[in-house]
Amino acid sequence: DGPVIQKANQRVLQNYFGLSQAWDCVSEIRNRYT
């Protein structure tokens, strides 16, 4: 990835946002937009 996406990854990881939270986020999106 380029620098913009690398920085996004760093922000997410610094906030301790892991895979289980990512699946929760996906589920929220899926529930809103079937």
Full PDB file with SEQRES, HELIX, SHEET, SSBOND, CRYST1, ORIGX, SCALE, CONECT and MASTER records, all heavy atoms in Angstrom:
SEQRES   1 A   34  ASP GLY PRO VAL ILE GLN LYS ALA ASN GLN ARG VAL LEU          
SEQRES   2 A   34  GLN ASN TYR PHE GLY LEU SER GLN ALA TRP ASP CYS VAL          
SEQRES   3 A   34  SER GLU ILE ARG ASN ARG TYR THR                              
HELIX    1 AA1 PRO A    3  GLN A   14  1                                  12    
HELIX    2 AA2 LEU A   19  ARG A   32  1                                  14    
CRYST1    1.000    1.000    1.000  90.00  90.00  90.00 P 1           1          
ORIGX1      1.000000  0.000000  0.000000        0.00000                         
ORIGX2      0.000000  1.000000  0.000000        0.00000                         
ORIGX3      0.000000  0.000000  1.000000        0.00000                         
SCALE1      1.000000  0.000000  0.000000        0.00000                         
SCALE2      0.000000  1.000000  0.000000        0.00000                         
SCALE3      0.000000  0.000000  1.000000        0.00000                         
ATOM      1  N   ASP A   1       0.821  -1.201   0.000  1.00  0.00           N  
ATOM      2  CA  ASP A   1       0.000   0.000   0.000  1.00  0.00           C  
ATOM      3  C   ASP A   1       0.856   1.252   0.000  1.00  0.00           C  
ATOM      4  O   ASP A   1       1.990   1.247   0.451  1.00  0.00           O  
ATOM      5  CB  ASP A   1      -0.917   0.018   1.232  1.00  0.00           C  
ATOM      6  CG  ASP A   1      -1.956  -1.085   1.185  1.00  0.00           C  
ATOM      7  OD1 ASP A   1      -2.610  -1.229   0.137  1.00  0.00           O  
ATOM      8  OD2 ASP A   1      -2.108  -1.804   2.182  1.00  0.00           O  
ATOM      9  N   GLY A   2       0.253   2.326  -0.467  1.00  0.00           N  
ATOM     10  CA  GLY A   2       0.925   3.617  -0.467  1.00  0.00           C  
ATOM     11  C   GLY A   2       0.835   4.287   0.892  1.00  0.00           C  
ATOM     12  O   GLY A   2       0.257   3.747   1.835  1.00  0.00           O  
ATOM     13  N   PRO A   3       1.403   5.498   0.998  1.00  0.00           N  
ATOM     14  CA  PRO A   3       1.506   6.173   2.292  1.00  0.00           C  
ATOM     15  C   PRO A   3       0.165   6.514   2.936  1.00  0.00           C  
ATOM     16  O   PRO A   3       0.049   6.493   4.163  1.00  0.00           O  
ATOM     17  CB  PRO A   3       2.316   7.437   1.989  1.00  0.00           C  
ATOM     18  CG  PRO A   3       2.266   7.610   0.519  1.00  0.00           C  
ATOM     19  CD  PRO A   3       2.047   6.256  -0.073  1.00  0.00           C  
ATOM     20  N   VAL A   4      -0.861   6.828   2.160  1.00  0.00           N  
ATOM     21  CA  VAL A   4      -2.162   7.178   2.743  1.00  0.00           C  
ATOM     22  C   VAL A   4      -2.773   5.970   3.443  1.00  0.00           C  
ATOM     23  O   VAL A   4      -3.230   6.050   4.589  1.00  0.00           O  
ATOM     24  CB  VAL A   4      -3.111   7.738   1.662  1.00  0.00           C  
ATOM     25  CG1 VAL A   4      -4.517   7.909   2.202  1.00  0.00           C  
ATOM     26  CG2 VAL A   4      -2.572   9.049   1.114  1.00  0.00           C  
ATOM     27  N   ILE A   5      -2.760   4.833   2.776  1.00  0.00           N  
ATOM     28  CA  ILE A   5      -3.333   3.622   3.373  1.00  0.00           C  
ATOM     29  C   ILE A   5      -2.440   3.110   4.498  1.00  0.00           C  
ATOM     30  O   ILE A   5      -2.930   2.605   5.511  1.00  0.00           O  
ATOM     31  CB  ILE A   5      -3.592   2.550   2.286  1.00  0.00           C  
ATOM     32  CG1 ILE A   5      -4.660   3.073   1.316  1.00  0.00           C  
ATOM     33  CG2 ILE A   5      -4.033   1.235   2.917  1.00  0.00           C  
ATOM     34  CD1 ILE A   5      -4.890   2.208   0.111  1.00  0.00           C  
ATOM     35  N   GLN A   6      -1.129   3.252   4.370  1.00  0.00           N  
ATOM     36  CA  GLN A   6      -0.231   2.869   5.464  1.00  0.00           C  
ATOM     37  C   GLN A   6      -0.558   3.659   6.728  1.00  0.00           C  
ATOM     38  O   GLN A   6      -0.624   3.104   7.827  1.00  0.00           O  
ATOM     39  CB  GLN A   6       1.224   3.077   5.068  1.00  0.00           C  
ATOM     40  CG  GLN A   6       1.719   2.069   4.054  1.00  0.00           C  
ATOM     41  CD  GLN A   6       3.157   2.346   3.611  1.00  0.00           C  
ATOM     42  OE1 GLN A   6       3.803   3.264   4.074  1.00  0.00           O  
ATOM     43  NE2 GLN A   6       3.647   1.513   2.698  1.00  0.00           N  
ATOM     44  N   LYS A   7      -0.788   4.958   6.581  1.00  0.00           N  
ATOM     45  CA  LYS A   7      -1.118   5.786   7.747  1.00  0.00           C  
ATOM     46  C   LYS A   7      -2.472   5.398   8.329  1.00  0.00           C  
ATOM     47  O   LYS A   7      -2.656   5.407   9.552  1.00  0.00           O  
ATOM     48  CB  LYS A   7      -1.075   7.264   7.380  1.00  0.00           C  
ATOM     49  CG  LYS A   7       0.336   7.768   7.180  1.00  0.00           C  
ATOM     50  CD  LYS A   7       0.377   9.221   6.778  1.00  0.00           C  
ATOM     51  CE  LYS A   7       1.822   9.623   6.511  1.00  0.00           C  
ATOM     52  NZ  LYS A   7       1.936  10.983   6.004  1.00  0.00           N  
ATOM     53  N   ALA A   8      -3.420   5.056   7.484  1.00  0.00           N  
ATOM     54  CA  ALA A   8      -4.730   4.598   7.973  1.00  0.00           C  
ATOM     55  C   ALA A   8      -4.555   3.323   8.794  1.00  0.00           C  
ATOM     56  O   ALA A   8      -5.142   3.177   9.873  1.00  0.00           O  
ATOM     57  CB  ALA A   8      -5.682   4.364   6.801  1.00  0.00           C  
ATOM     58  N   ASN A   9      -3.742   2.400   8.291  1.00  0.00           N  
ATOM     59  CA  ASN A   9      -3.467   1.165   9.027  1.00  0.00           C  
ATOM     60  C   ASN A   9      -2.852   1.468  10.397  1.00  0.00           C  
ATOM     61  O   ASN A   9      -3.231   0.878  11.409  1.00  0.00           O  
ATOM     62  CB  ASN A   9      -2.529   0.253   8.226  1.00  0.00           C  
ATOM     63  CG  ASN A   9      -3.237  -0.537   7.160  1.00  0.00           C  
ATOM     64  OD1 ASN A   9      -3.758  -1.606   7.417  1.00  0.00           O  
ATOM     65  ND2 ASN A   9      -3.266  -0.012   5.957  1.00  0.00           N  
ATOM     66  N   GLN A  10      -1.904   2.385  10.420  1.00  0.00           N  
ATOM     67  CA  GLN A  10      -1.252   2.748  11.682  1.00  0.00           C  
ATOM     68  C   GLN A  10      -2.251   3.326  12.682  1.00  0.00           C  
ATOM     69  O   GLN A  10      -2.221   2.974  13.869  1.00  0.00           O  
ATOM     70  CB  GLN A  10      -0.128   3.761  11.430  1.00  0.00           C  
ATOM     71  CG  GLN A  10       1.058   3.171  10.718  1.00  0.00           C  
ATOM     72  CD  GLN A  10       2.059   4.224  10.257  1.00  0.00           C  
ATOM     73  OE1 GLN A  10       1.809   5.427  10.367  1.00  0.00           O  
ATOM     74  NE2 GLN A  10       3.189   3.781   9.732  1.00  0.00           N  
ATOM     75  N   ARG A  11      -3.142   4.209  12.222  1.00  0.00           N  
ATOM     76  CA  ARG A  11      -4.144   4.796  13.123  1.00  0.00           C  
ATOM     77  C   ARG A  11      -5.041   3.715  13.711  1.00  0.00           C  
ATOM     78  O   ARG A  11      -5.333   3.716  14.911  1.00  0.00           O  
ATOM     79  CB  ARG A  11      -5.001   5.830  12.378  1.00  0.00           C  
ATOM     80  CG  ARG A  11      -4.317   7.141  12.127  1.00  0.00           C  
ATOM     81  CD  ARG A  11      -5.292   8.180  11.596  1.00  0.00           C  
ATOM     82  NE  ARG A  11      -5.868   7.822  10.306  1.00  0.00           N  
ATOM     83  CZ  ARG A  11      -5.354   8.182   9.130  1.00  0.00           C  
ATOM     84  NH1 ARG A  11      -4.241   8.908   9.076  1.00  0.00           N  
ATOM     85  NH2 ARG A  11      -5.952   7.827   8.008  1.00  0.00           N  
ATOM     86  N   VAL A  12      -5.475   2.800  12.872  1.00  0.00           N  
ATOM     87  CA  VAL A  12      -6.361   1.730  13.329  1.00  0.00           C  
ATOM     88  C   VAL A  12      -5.662   0.866  14.371  1.00  0.00           C  
ATOM     89  O   VAL A  12      -6.223   0.571  15.433  1.00  0.00           O  
ATOM     90  CB  VAL A  12      -6.836   0.877  12.131  1.00  0.00           C  
ATOM     91  CG1 VAL A  12      -7.563  -0.370  12.596  1.00  0.00           C  
ATOM     92  CG2 VAL A  12      -7.726   1.710  11.218  1.00  0.00           C  
ATOM     93  N   LEU A  13      -4.440   0.460  14.083  1.00  0.00           N  
ATOM     94  CA  LEU A  13      -3.711  -0.410  15.010  1.00  0.00           C  
ATOM     95  C   LEU A  13      -3.366   0.318  16.309  1.00  0.00           C  
ATOM     96  O   LEU A  13      -3.386  -0.298  17.384  1.00  0.00           O  
ATOM     97  CB  LEU A  13      -2.463  -0.966  14.331  1.00  0.00           C  
ATOM     98  CG  LEU A  13      -2.758  -1.912  13.157  1.00  0.00           C  
ATOM     99  CD1 LEU A  13      -1.471  -2.285  12.450  1.00  0.00           C  
ATOM    100  CD2 LEU A  13      -3.520  -3.144  13.601  1.00  0.00           C  
ATOM    101  N   GLN A  14      -3.086   1.613  16.252  1.00  0.00           N  
ATOM    102  CA  GLN A  14      -2.806   2.382  17.472  1.00  0.00           C  
ATOM    103  C   GLN A  14      -4.035   2.461  18.373  1.00  0.00           C  
ATOM    104  O   GLN A  14      -3.908   2.626  19.584  1.00  0.00           O  
ATOM    105  CB  GLN A  14      -2.315   3.786  17.121  1.00  0.00           C  
ATOM    106  CG  GLN A  14      -0.914   3.799  16.572  1.00  0.00           C  
ATOM    107  CD  GLN A  14      -0.516   5.160  15.997  1.00  0.00           C  
ATOM    108  OE1 GLN A  14      -1.334   6.060  15.821  1.00  0.00           O  
ATOM    109  NE2 GLN A  14       0.766   5.295  15.674  1.00  0.00           N  
ATOM    110  N   ASN A  15      -5.220   2.334  17.775  1.00  0.00           N  
ATOM    111  CA  ASN A  15      -6.468   2.364  18.544  1.00  0.00           C  
ATOM    112  C   ASN A  15      -6.907   0.964  18.983  1.00  0.00           C  
ATOM    113  O   ASN A  15      -8.022   0.803  19.473  1.00  0.00           O  
ATOM    114  CB  ASN A  15      -7.581   3.029  17.732  1.00  0.00           C  
ATOM    115  CG  ASN A  15      -7.374   4.514  17.593  1.00  0.00           C  
ATOM    116  OD1 ASN A  15      -6.833   5.157  18.482  1.00  0.00           O  
ATOM    117  ND2 ASN A  15      -7.794   5.070  16.472  1.00  0.00           N  
ATOM    118  N   TYR A  16      -6.026  -0.032  18.792  1.00  0.00           N  
ATOM    119  CA  TYR A  16      -6.304  -1.414  19.210  1.00  0.00           C  
ATOM    120  C   TYR A  16      -7.593  -1.959  18.592  1.00  0.00           C  
ATOM    121  O   TYR A  16      -8.360  -2.661  19.233  1.00  0.00           O  
ATOM    122  CB  TYR A  16      -6.332  -1.527  20.738  1.00  0.00           C  
ATOM    123  CG  TYR A  16      -5.049  -1.067  21.373  1.00  0.00           C  
ATOM    124  CD1 TYR A  16      -4.953   0.191  21.949  1.00  0.00           C  
ATOM    125  CD2 TYR A  16      -3.913  -1.861  21.343  1.00  0.00           C  
ATOM    126  CE1 TYR A  16      -3.753   0.641  22.505  1.00  0.00           C  
ATOM    127  CE2 TYR A  16      -2.719  -1.428  21.893  1.00  0.00           C  
ATOM    128  CZ  TYR A  16      -2.647  -0.178  22.475  1.00  0.00           C  
ATOM    129  OH  TYR A  16      -1.464   0.252  23.012  1.00  0.00           O  
ATOM    130  N   PHE A  17      -7.802  -1.617  17.337  1.00  0.00           N  
ATOM    131  CA  PHE A  17      -8.958  -2.092  16.583  1.00  0.00           C  
ATOM    132  C   PHE A  17      -8.523  -3.349  15.847  1.00  0.00           C  
ATOM    133  O   PHE A  17      -7.766  -3.290  14.889  1.00  0.00           O  
ATOM    134  CB  PHE A  17      -9.401  -1.003  15.594  1.00  0.00           C  
ATOM    135  CG  PHE A  17     -10.642  -1.327  14.809  1.00  0.00           C  
ATOM    136  CD1 PHE A  17     -11.887  -0.999  15.308  1.00  0.00           C  
ATOM    137  CD2 PHE A  17     -10.553  -1.937  13.567  1.00  0.00           C  
ATOM    138  CE1 PHE A  17     -13.030  -1.273  14.580  1.00  0.00           C  
ATOM    139  CE2 PHE A  17     -11.692  -2.218  12.825  1.00  0.00           C  
ATOM    140  CZ  PHE A  17     -12.940  -1.888  13.336  1.00  0.00           C  
ATOM    141  N   GLY A  18      -8.977  -4.495  16.322  1.00  0.00           N  
ATOM    142  CA  GLY A  18      -8.541  -5.775  15.771  1.00  0.00           C  
ATOM    143  C   GLY A  18      -9.592  -6.433  14.903  1.00  0.00           C  
ATOM    144  O   GLY A  18     -10.618  -5.840  14.543  1.00  0.00           O  
ATOM    145  N   LEU A  19      -9.333  -7.681  14.589  1.00  0.00           N  
ATOM    146  CA  LEU A  19     -10.184  -8.426  13.668  1.00  0.00           C  
ATOM    147  C   LEU A  19     -11.611  -8.593  14.189  1.00  0.00           C  
ATOM    148  O   LEU A  19     -12.570  -8.442  13.432  1.00  0.00           O  
ATOM    149  CB  LEU A  19      -9.551  -9.793  13.370  1.00  0.00           C  
ATOM    150  CG  LEU A  19     -10.072 -10.554  12.177  1.00  0.00           C  
ATOM    151  CD1 LEU A  19     -10.061  -9.712  10.913  1.00  0.00           C  
ATOM    152  CD2 LEU A  19      -9.275 -11.824  11.968  1.00  0.00           C  
ATOM    153  N   SER A  20     -11.781  -8.861  15.478  1.00  0.00           N  
ATOM    154  CA  SER A  20     -13.151  -9.040  15.990  1.00  0.00           C  
ATOM    155  C   SER A  20     -13.943  -7.735  15.870  1.00  0.00           C  
ATOM    156  O   SER A  20     -15.133  -7.753  15.521  1.00  0.00           O  
ATOM    157  CB  SER A  20     -13.149  -9.558  17.423  1.00  0.00           C  
ATOM    158  OG  SER A  20     -12.566  -8.627  18.296  1.00  0.00           O  
ATOM    159  N   GLN A  21     -13.293  -6.591  16.111  1.00  0.00           N  
ATOM    160  CA  GLN A  21     -13.973  -5.316  15.939  1.00  0.00           C  
ATOM    161  C   GLN A  21     -14.276  -5.046  14.465  1.00  0.00           C  
ATOM    162  O   GLN A  21     -15.310  -4.467  14.124  1.00  0.00           O  
ATOM    163  CB  GLN A  21     -13.139  -4.163  16.521  1.00  0.00           C  
ATOM    164  CG  GLN A  21     -12.993  -4.203  18.016  1.00  0.00           C  
ATOM    165  CD  GLN A  21     -11.755  -4.987  18.466  1.00  0.00           C  
ATOM    166  OE1 GLN A  21     -11.121  -5.698  17.694  1.00  0.00           O  
ATOM    167  NE2 GLN A  21     -11.424  -4.851  19.735  1.00  0.00           N  
ATOM    168  N   ALA A  22     -13.367  -5.474  13.600  1.00  0.00           N  
ATOM    169  CA  ALA A  22     -13.598  -5.307  12.162  1.00  0.00           C  
ATOM    170  C   ALA A  22     -14.824  -6.091  11.723  1.00  0.00           C  
ATOM    171  O   ALA A  22     -15.660  -5.584  10.966  1.00  0.00           O  
ATOM    172  CB  ALA A  22     -12.367  -5.741  11.364  1.00  0.00           C  
ATOM    173  N   TRP A  23     -14.957  -7.335  12.204  1.00  0.00           N  
ATOM    174  CA  TRP A  23     -16.138  -8.132  11.848  1.00  0.00           C  
ATOM    175  C   TRP A  23     -17.404  -7.479  12.385  1.00  0.00           C  
ATOM    176  O   TRP A  23     -18.449  -7.500  11.731  1.00  0.00           O  
ATOM    177  CB  TRP A  23     -16.020  -9.563  12.338  1.00  0.00           C  
ATOM    178  CG  TRP A  23     -14.917 -10.366  11.721  1.00  0.00           C  
ATOM    179  CD1 TRP A  23     -14.122 -11.276  12.354  1.00  0.00           C  
ATOM    180  CD2 TRP A  23     -14.478 -10.386  10.349  1.00  0.00           C  
ATOM    181  NE1 TRP A  23     -13.215 -11.825  11.473  1.00  0.00           N  
ATOM    182  CE2 TRP A  23     -13.413 -11.307  10.238  1.00  0.00           C  
ATOM    183  CE3 TRP A  23     -14.871  -9.702   9.218  1.00  0.00           C  
ATOM    184  CZ2 TRP A  23     -12.759 -11.558   9.028  1.00  0.00           C  
ATOM    185  CZ3 TRP A  23     -14.215  -9.944   8.007  1.00  0.00           C  
ATOM    186  CH2 TRP A  23     -13.178 -10.870   7.934  1.00  0.00           C  
ATOM    187  N   ASP A  24     -17.335  -6.892  13.580  1.00  0.00           N  
ATOM    188  CA  ASP A  24     -18.496  -6.171  14.126  1.00  0.00           C  
ATOM    189  C   ASP A  24     -18.875  -5.002  13.221  1.00  0.00           C  
ATOM    190  O   ASP A  24     -20.062  -4.757  12.966  1.00  0.00           O  
ATOM    191  CB  ASP A  24     -18.209  -5.656  15.536  1.00  0.00           C  
ATOM    192  CG  ASP A  24     -18.101  -6.756  16.569  1.00  0.00           C  
ATOM    193  OD1 ASP A  24     -18.546  -7.891  16.304  1.00  0.00           O  
ATOM    194  OD2 ASP A  24     -17.560  -6.467  17.660  1.00  0.00           O  
ATOM    195  N   CYS A  25     -17.891  -4.293  12.737  1.00  0.00           N  
ATOM    196  CA  CYS A  25     -18.111  -3.151  11.846  1.00  0.00           C  
ATOM    197  C   CYS A  25     -18.747  -3.622  10.532  1.00  0.00           C  
ATOM    198  O   CYS A  25     -19.712  -3.021  10.044  1.00  0.00           O  
ATOM    199  CB  CYS A  25     -16.793  -2.440  11.602  1.00  0.00           C  
ATOM    200  SG  CYS A  25     -16.919  -0.825  10.833  1.00  0.00           S  
ATOM    201  N   VAL A  26     -18.217  -4.706   9.977  1.00  0.00           N  
ATOM    202  CA  VAL A  26     -18.784  -5.267   8.748  1.00  0.00           C  
ATOM    203  C   VAL A  26     -20.237  -5.677   8.983  1.00  0.00           C  
ATOM    204  O   VAL A  26     -21.111  -5.388   8.162  1.00  0.00           O  
ATOM    205  CB  VAL A  26     -17.955  -6.472   8.246  1.00  0.00           C  
ATOM    206  CG1 VAL A  26     -18.683  -7.211   7.131  1.00  0.00           C  
ATOM    207  CG2 VAL A  26     -16.579  -6.025   7.782  1.00  0.00           C  
ATOM    208  N   SER A  27     -20.505  -6.325  10.107  1.00  0.00           N  
ATOM    209  CA  SER A  27     -21.871  -6.748  10.416  1.00  0.00           C  
ATOM    210  C   SER A  27     -22.817  -5.559  10.491  1.00  0.00           C  
ATOM    211  O   SER A  27     -23.958  -5.629  10.023  1.00  0.00           O  
ATOM    212  CB  SER A  27     -21.912  -7.524  11.739  1.00  0.00           C  
ATOM    213  OG  SER A  27     -21.225  -8.741  11.621  1.00  0.00           O  
ATOM    214  N   GLU A  28     -22.345  -4.463  11.070  1.00  0.00           N  
ATOM    215  CA  GLU A  28     -23.155  -3.250  11.150  1.00  0.00           C  
ATOM    216  C   GLU A  28     -23.468  -2.721   9.749  1.00  0.00           C  
ATOM    217  O   GLU A  28     -24.606  -2.359   9.444  1.00  0.00           O  
ATOM    218  CB  GLU A  28     -22.440  -2.187  11.981  1.00  0.00           C  
ATOM    219  CG  GLU A  28     -23.189  -0.894  12.101  1.00  0.00           C  
ATOM    220  CD  GLU A  28     -24.468  -0.990  12.902  1.00  0.00           C  
ATOM    221  OE1 GLU A  28     -24.571  -1.878  13.785  1.00  0.00           O  
ATOM    222  OE2 GLU A  28     -25.387  -0.192  12.643  1.00  0.00           O  
ATOM    223  N   ILE A  29     -22.463  -2.688   8.892  1.00  0.00           N  
ATOM    224  CA  ILE A  29     -22.679  -2.236   7.507  1.00  0.00           C  
ATOM    225  C   ILE A  29     -23.650  -3.174   6.795  1.00  0.00           C  
ATOM    226  O   ILE A  29     -24.585  -2.724   6.128  1.00  0.00           O  
ATOM    227  CB  ILE A  29     -21.343  -2.136   6.742  1.00  0.00           C  
ATOM    228  CG1 ILE A  29     -20.438  -1.075   7.388  1.00  0.00           C  
ATOM    229  CG2 ILE A  29     -21.578  -1.834   5.257  1.00  0.00           C  
ATOM    230  CD1 ILE A  29     -18.986  -1.128   6.924  1.00  0.00           C  
ATOM    231  N   ARG A  30     -23.444  -4.477   6.953  1.00  0.00           N  
ATOM    232  CA  ARG A  30     -24.319  -5.455   6.295  1.00  0.00           C  
ATOM    233  C   ARG A  30     -25.758  -5.316   6.782  1.00  0.00           C  
ATOM    234  O   ARG A  30     -26.708  -5.388   5.995  1.00  0.00           O  
ATOM    235  CB  ARG A  30     -23.797  -6.882   6.546  1.00  0.00           C  
ATOM    236  CG  ARG A  30     -24.716  -7.989   6.050  1.00  0.00           C  
ATOM    237  CD  ARG A  30     -25.094  -7.902   4.573  1.00  0.00           C  
ATOM    238  NE  ARG A  30     -23.926  -8.075   3.726  1.00  0.00           N  
ATOM    239  CZ  ARG A  30     -23.713  -7.361   2.616  1.00  0.00           C  
ATOM    240  NH1 ARG A  30     -24.571  -6.452   2.208  1.00  0.00           N  
ATOM    241  NH2 ARG A  30     -22.639  -7.547   1.898  1.00  0.00           N  
ATOM    242  N   ASN A  31     -25.951  -5.102   8.085  1.00  0.00           N  
ATOM    243  CA  ASN A  31     -27.308  -4.946   8.618  1.00  0.00           C  
ATOM    244  C   ASN A  31     -28.003  -3.718   8.042  1.00  0.00           C  
ATOM    245  O   ASN A  31     -29.209  -3.732   7.824  1.00  0.00           O  
ATOM    246  CB  ASN A  31     -27.287  -4.865  10.144  1.00  0.00           C  
ATOM    247  CG  ASN A  31     -26.960  -6.194  10.787  1.00  0.00           C  
ATOM    248  OD1 ASN A  31     -27.183  -7.250  10.206  1.00  0.00           O  
ATOM    249  ND2 ASN A  31     -26.407  -6.154  11.983  1.00  0.00           N  
ATOM    250  N   ARG A  32     -27.245  -2.664   7.791  1.00  0.00           N  
ATOM    251  CA  ARG A  32     -27.820  -1.434   7.243  1.00  0.00           C  
ATOM    252  C   ARG A  32     -28.068  -1.534   5.742  1.00  0.00           C  
ATOM    253  O   ARG A  32     -28.986  -0.903   5.214  1.00  0.00           O  
ATOM    254  CB  ARG A  32     -26.891  -0.246   7.504  1.00  0.00           C  
ATOM    255  CG  ARG A  32     -26.754   0.122   8.965  1.00  0.00           C  
ATOM    256  CD  ARG A  32     -25.812   1.301   9.116  1.00  0.00           C  
ATOM    257  NE  ARG A  32     -25.460   1.534  10.510  1.00  0.00           N  
ATOM    258  CZ  ARG A  32     -24.708   2.538  10.919  1.00  0.00           C  
ATOM    259  NH1 ARG A  32     -24.215   3.405  10.051  1.00  0.00           N  
ATOM    260  NH2 ARG A  32     -24.426   2.684  12.189  1.00  0.00           N  
ATOM    261  N   TYR A  33     -27.211  -2.286   5.037  1.00  0.00           N  
ATOM    262  CA  TYR A  33     -27.246  -2.340   3.572  1.00  0.00           C  
ATOM    263  C   TYR A  33     -27.208  -3.797   3.117  1.00  0.00           C  
ATOM    264  O   TYR A  33     -26.164  -4.322   2.736  1.00  0.00           O  
ATOM    265  CB  TYR A  33     -26.071  -1.542   2.983  1.00  0.00           C  
ATOM    266  CG  TYR A  33     -26.102  -0.105   3.420  1.00  0.00           C  
ATOM    267  CD1 TYR A  33     -25.320   0.319   4.489  1.00  0.00           C  
ATOM    268  CD2 TYR A  33     -26.942   0.800   2.793  1.00  0.00           C  
ATOM    269  CE1 TYR A  33     -25.378   1.641   4.920  1.00  0.00           C  
ATOM    270  CE2 TYR A  33     -27.007   2.126   3.225  1.00  0.00           C  
ATOM    271  CZ  TYR A  33     -26.220   2.532   4.284  1.00  0.00           C  
ATOM    272  OH  TYR A  33     -26.285   3.836   4.720  1.00  0.00           O  
ATOM    273  N   THR A  34     -28.358  -4.425   3.129  1.00  0.00           N  
ATOM    274  CA  THR A  34     -28.423  -5.864   2.872  1.00  0.00           C  
ATOM    275  C   THR A  34     -28.068  -6.245   1.444  1.00  0.00           C  
ATOM    276  O   THR A  34     -27.623  -7.366   1.209  1.00  0.00           O  
ATOM    277  CB  THR A  34     -29.822  -6.406   3.224  1.00  0.00           C  
ATOM    278  OG1 THR A  34     -30.805  -5.687   2.458  1.00  0.00           O  
ATOM    279  CG2 THR A  34     -30.113  -6.248   4.707  1.00  0.00           C  
TER     280      THR A  34                                                      
MASTER        0    0    0    2    0    0    0    6  279    1    0    3          
END                                                                             
